Amino acid sequence: ELLLELGGWSRMFTARKKIVKEGDAQPDSFEEQVAQAIFDLQVQTDMKSDLQDLFITSAKEVEVSNGRKAIIIHVPFRLLKSFHRIQQRLIRELEKKFSGKHVTVIAQRRILPREVMR
């Protein structure tokens, strides 16, 4: 039993590598669920090489029309092109895992002040 529990801990620890928050912020439970789903796709499907170096910065569940919910996944801007390469398969698999909720991937950008840009 102890070995099984440790196996679960190591799996959760590796899933935590799929979400990188700014500073020392801790991911909430929903963000951990999304990170775990992405990690599961990496382990269980042929997308392993595609998902290996990718991570998310946050995930939110928002309500859209008619009481339906959608999932918005924020990724670093520099990784957006890599996500676009596998977006169709990734979105399809995540929508299956999250029972038909719409999934959208959005880049998180940072606008720098003018004095830094020069």
Foldseek 3Di string as FASTA:
>chain_A
DVVVVVVVVVLLVVLCVQEDEPDPDDADPVFSVVSSLLVCCLPPHPCVVLSVPHHFHHKDWDADPPRAIAIETEGAPVCVVSCVVCVVVVQVSVCVVVVNHGYYYDYDDDDDDPVVVD
